[in-house]
Amino acid sequence: MSDFTAQRQNMVDCQVRPSDVTDLRIIDAMLAVPREQFVPDGKRPIAYLDMDIDVAADGQAKRHLIKPVVLAKMIQAAAISETDRVLVVGCATGYSAAVLAHIVAEVFATEPDPALAAAATKNLAALGLANVTITTAAPAEGDRAHGPYDVIVMDGATEIEPDGLYEQLKVGGRLVGVFATSRPPRANLVARSPADFGSRVLFDASAPVLTGLERRPAFTF
């Protein structure tokens, strides 16, 4: 067993399973995807720690892989089925999209940084995951061309209501993400009904805010 394989098993056994993630599809996917391949070489030793990892190039705006347990719990809460069309918003180097590619037949993902979008495409191809389509786009824009979606997974936090993403859900569709619209931030699930959108809190969580979903500054006079 390689050192990274042992770390991957430890991540699942000590972070994911103890957090009430019981969906074996998620467990198996996280055991199958080599998270170290999605971080810069110098950060591979910390690839499996319980932390958000900045994967952007030096000098570029920070972009992160969110904590494994937050991702796992959100995917479980979305109750994804194999036939669902899933959109990952802000996929960075593609780790979350790779995990979901082991669970569903078709995944779409957006990333605002063209270099990271290219890296995500390369990483997924290297693993033979041909069922993911990466688009360079701002998180708030989503990917209307391939929608609507059964599930949208926000690979990070939002400080505002992402109304543009809500509109890309099918009726009965679910969006999961970390909402830092109030304190403390919490992972929420938003579901679309024929007439409205309903939201429920899942668990307390923190994650870096996605580009373009920051709280707008308040001006005082």
Protein backbone atom coordinates (compact mmCIF):
# COMPACT_ATOMS: atom_id res chain seq x y z
CA MET A 1 0.00 0.00 0.00
CA SER A 2 1.44 3.39 -1.01
CA ASP A 3 1.68 6.24 1.46
CA PHE A 4 -1.04 8.18 -0.40
CA THR A 5 -3.30 5.14 -0.50
CA ALA A 6 -2.93 4.81 3.27
CA GLN A 7 -3.67 8.52 3.72
CA ARG A 8 -6.75 8.20 1.53
CA GLN A 9 -8.02 5.31 3.63
CA ASN A 10 -7.31 7.30 6.78
CA MET A 11 -9.23 10.30 5.40
CA VAL A 12 -12.27 8.12 4.85
CA ASP A 13 -11.99 6.22 8.13
CA CYS A 14 -11.18 9.20 10.38
CA GLN A 15 -12.92 12.13 8.71
CA VAL A 16 -15.71 10.97 6.42
CA ARG A 17 -17.23 7.90 8.11
CA PRO A 18 -17.29 9.44 11.64
CA SER A 19 -19.28 12.37 10.19
CA ASP A 20 -22.26 10.12 9.45
CA VAL A 21 -21.49 9.67 5.78
CA THR A 22 -22.96 6.22 5.18
CA ASP A 23 -23.56 6.26 1.42
CA LEU A 24 -21.16 3.59 0.17
CA ARG A 25 -21.07 5.17 -3.29
CA ILE A 26 -19.46 8.27 -1.78
CA ILE A 27 -17.10 6.22 0.38
CA ASP A 28 -16.00 4.15 -2.62
CA ALA A 29 -15.57 7.25 -4.80
CA MET A 30 -13.39 8.97 -2.23
CA LEU A 31 -11.30 5.84 -1.87
CA ALA A 32 -10.93 5.65 -5.65
CA VAL A 33 -9.99 9.26 -6.45
CA PRO A 34 -6.34 10.18 -5.72
CA ARG A 35 -6.80 13.61 -4.13
CA GLU A 36 -3.04 14.23 -4.24
CA GLN A 37 -3.23 14.48 -8.03
CA PHE A 38 -5.49 17.52 -7.73
CA VAL A 39 -3.14 19.69 -5.64
CA PRO A 40 0.20 21.32 -6.56
CA ASP A 41 3.20 19.05 -6.12
CA GLY A 42 4.46 20.98 -3.10
CA LYS A 43 1.14 20.49 -1.29
CA ARG A 44 0.74 16.77 -1.90
CA PRO A 45 1.81 15.92 1.67
CA ILE A 46 -1.26 17.80 2.98
CA ALA A 47 -3.71 16.56 0.34
CA TYR A 48 -5.67 14.43 2.81
CA LEU A 49 -5.78 16.75 5.80
CA ASP A 50 -9.09 18.09 7.10
CA MET A 51 -8.59 21.52 5.56
CA ASP A 52 -9.34 23.70 2.55
CA ILE A 53 -6.30 23.57 0.24
CA ASP A 54 -5.38 26.50 -2.00
CA VAL A 55 -4.60 25.10 -5.46
CA ALA A 56 -4.10 28.35 -7.37
CA ALA A 57 -0.76 29.25 -8.89
CA ASP A 58 1.42 31.70 -6.98
CA GLY A 59 0.21 35.25 -7.48
CA GLN A 60 -3.25 34.21 -8.65
CA ALA A 61 -6.54 34.59 -6.81
CA LYS A 62 -6.95 31.84 -4.23
CA ARG A 63 -8.96 28.79 -5.29
CA HIS A 64 -9.50 25.82 -3.05
CA LEU A 65 -10.38 22.19 -2.71
CA ILE A 66 -12.87 22.29 0.15
CA LYS A 67 -12.59 19.96 3.13
CA PRO A 68 -13.31 16.34 2.15
CA VAL A 69 -15.90 15.85 4.88
CA VAL A 70 -17.88 18.95 3.85
CA LEU A 71 -17.97 17.75 0.25
CA ALA A 72 -18.98 14.23 1.28
CA LYS A 73 -21.79 15.36 3.57
CA MET A 74 -23.20 17.75 0.97
CA ILE A 75 -23.20 15.07 -1.73
CA GLN A 76 -24.98 12.68 0.63
CA ALA A 77 -27.59 15.29 1.55
CA ALA A 78 -28.36 15.87 -2.14
CA ALA A 79 -29.57 12.24 -2.43
CA ILE A 80 -28.08 11.86 -5.90
CA SER A 81 -29.20 9.05 -8.17
CA GLU A 82 -27.11 7.52 -10.95
CA THR A 83 -29.27 9.08 -13.67
CA ASP A 84 -29.12 12.64 -12.27
CA ARG A 85 -27.53 15.44 -14.26
CA VAL A 86 -25.14 17.16 -11.87
CA LEU A 87 -23.44 20.57 -12.08
CA VAL A 88 -20.39 21.36 -9.94
CA VAL A 89 -19.90 25.10 -9.50
CA GLY A 90 -16.32 26.29 -9.03
CA CYS A 91 -14.59 22.92 -9.41
CA ALA A 92 -11.00 24.27 -9.16
CA THR A 93 -8.70 21.43 -10.29
CA GLY A 94 -11.58 18.97 -10.58
CA TYR A 95 -11.51 16.83 -7.43
CA SER A 96 -15.20 17.22 -6.57
CA ALA A 97 -16.16 16.54 -10.19
CA ALA A 98 -14.02 13.39 -10.14
CA VAL A 99 -15.76 12.11 -7.00
CA LEU A 100 -19.17 12.71 -8.53
CA ALA A 101 -18.09 11.12 -11.82
CA HIS A 102 -17.88 7.82 -9.93
CA ILE A 103 -21.48 8.21 -8.75
CA VAL A 104 -23.43 9.54 -11.75
CA ALA A 105 -23.28 9.03 -15.51
CA GLU A 106 -22.81 12.67 -16.46
CA VAL A 107 -21.23 15.62 -14.66
CA PHE A 108 -20.84 19.23 -15.77
CA ALA A 109 -18.49 21.59 -13.96
CA THR A 110 -17.51 25.24 -14.11
CA GLU A 111 -14.30 26.98 -13.09
CA PRO A 112 -13.59 30.73 -13.52
CA ASP A 113 -9.79 30.41 -13.80
CA PRO A 114 -8.90 29.18 -17.32
CA ALA A 115 -5.63 27.63 -16.12
CA LEU A 116 -7.40 25.66 -13.39
CA ALA A 117 -10.18 24.64 -15.80
CA ALA A 118 -7.48 23.25 -18.11
CA ALA A 119 -5.83 21.49 -15.16
CA ALA A 120 -9.17 19.96 -14.18
CA THR A 121 -9.70 18.66 -17.70
CA LYS A 122 -6.20 17.17 -17.70
CA ASN A 123 -6.61 15.60 -14.26
CA LEU A 124 -9.90 13.97 -15.15
CA ALA A 125 -8.54 12.67 -18.45
CA ALA A 126 -5.52 11.18 -16.67
CA LEU A 127 -7.92 9.16 -14.51
CA GLY A 128 -9.97 8.04 -17.50
CA LEU A 129 -13.05 9.96 -16.36
CA ALA A 130 -14.65 10.88 -19.66
CA ASN A 131 -18.09 11.67 -18.26
CA VAL A 132 -17.24 15.19 -17.05
CA THR A 133 -17.55 18.36 -19.14
CA ILE A 134 -15.59 21.39 -17.87
CA THR A 135 -16.62 24.93 -18.82
CA THR A 136 -14.75 28.13 -17.99
CA ALA A 137 -17.35 30.33 -16.33
CA ALA A 138 -17.96 32.38 -13.21
CA PRO A 139 -19.62 30.42 -10.38
CA ALA A 140 -22.64 32.72 -10.30
CA GLU A 141 -23.28 32.05 -14.00
CA GLY A 142 -23.54 28.28 -13.71
CA ASP A 143 -23.81 26.51 -17.06
CA ARG A 144 -27.17 27.19 -18.65
CA ALA A 145 -26.19 25.56 -21.93
CA HIS A 146 -26.17 22.10 -20.41
CA GLY A 147 -28.98 22.61 -17.90
CA PRO A 148 -31.35 22.23 -16.27
CA TYR A 149 -29.90 20.02 -13.55
CA ASP A 150 -31.16 17.56 -11.00
CA VAL A 151 -28.39 18.55 -8.58
CA ILE A 152 -26.03 21.52 -8.28
CA VAL A 153 -23.06 21.20 -5.92
CA MET A 154 -21.34 24.44 -4.93
CA ASP A 155 -17.65 23.67 -4.41
CA GLY A 156 -17.29 26.51 -1.93
CA ALA A 157 -19.33 29.11 -0.09
CA THR A 158 -21.60 31.94 -1.07
CA GLU A 159 -22.25 35.16 0.83
CA ILE A 160 -25.28 36.04 -1.33
CA GLU A 161 -28.33 34.18 -2.57
CA PRO A 162 -27.22 32.51 -5.85
CA ASP A 163 -30.50 33.13 -7.65
CA GLY A 164 -29.00 32.47 -11.06
CA LEU A 165 -28.08 28.95 -9.98
CA TYR A 166 -31.50 28.27 -8.49
CA GLU A 167 -33.06 28.95 -11.90
CA GLN A 168 -30.92 26.20 -13.46
CA LEU A 169 -32.49 23.50 -11.28
CA LYS A 170 -35.17 21.22 -12.63
CA VAL A 171 -38.41 21.04 -10.70
CA GLY A 172 -37.50 18.65 -7.89
CA GLY A 173 -33.83 19.58 -8.24
CA ARG A 174 -31.54 20.25 -5.29
CA LEU A 175 -28.66 22.65 -4.72
CA VAL A 176 -26.18 22.10 -1.90
CA GLY A 177 -23.53 24.52 -0.75
CA VAL A 178 -22.12 26.44 2.19
CA PHE A 179 -24.11 29.60 2.84
CA ALA A 180 -22.17 32.35 4.59
CA THR A 181 -25.12 34.71 4.32
CA SER A 182 -25.27 34.83 8.12
CA ARG A 183 -23.13 33.68 11.04
CA PRO A 184 -22.21 30.96 11.60
CA PRO A 185 -22.02 29.71 8.01
CA ARG A 186 -23.95 26.54 7.33
CA ALA A 187 -24.32 23.99 4.58
CA ASN A 188 -27.83 24.29 3.15
CA LEU A 189 -29.97 22.32 0.74
CA VAL A 190 -32.25 24.30 -1.58
CA ALA A 191 -34.97 22.36 -3.43
CA ARG A 192 -37.10 23.56 -6.32
CA SER A 193 -40.83 22.89 -6.30
CA PRO A 194 -43.23 23.77 -9.14
CA ALA A 195 -44.04 27.07 -7.47
CA ASP A 196 -41.11 28.03 -5.26
CA PHE A 197 -37.76 27.21 -3.67
CA GLY A 198 -37.43 25.75 -0.19
CA SER A 199 -34.30 25.70 1.95
CA ARG A 200 -33.17 23.73 4.96
CA VAL A 201 -30.03 23.84 7.06
CA LEU A 202 -27.87 20.71 6.90
CA PHE A 203 -24.95 21.34 9.26
CA ASP A 204 -22.53 24.03 10.42
CA ALA A 205 -19.68 24.34 7.92
CA SER A 206 -17.12 26.76 6.60
CA ALA A 207 -15.57 27.00 3.14
CA PRO A 208 -13.78 29.66 1.10
CA VAL A 209 -16.17 31.96 -0.74
CA LEU A 210 -16.43 31.36 -4.48
CA THR A 211 -15.39 34.13 -6.87
CA GLY A 212 -18.29 36.45 -7.63
CA LEU A 213 -20.43 35.20 -4.76
CA GLU A 214 -18.93 37.56 -2.22
CA ARG A 215 -21.11 39.88 -0.16
CA ARG A 216 -21.43 43.25 -1.82
CA PRO A 217 -19.87 46.06 0.21
CA ALA A 218 -22.31 48.28 2.04
CA PHE A 219 -21.82 51.99 1.43
CA THR A 220 -22.52 54.48 4.19
CA PHE A 221 -22.85 58.22 3.79
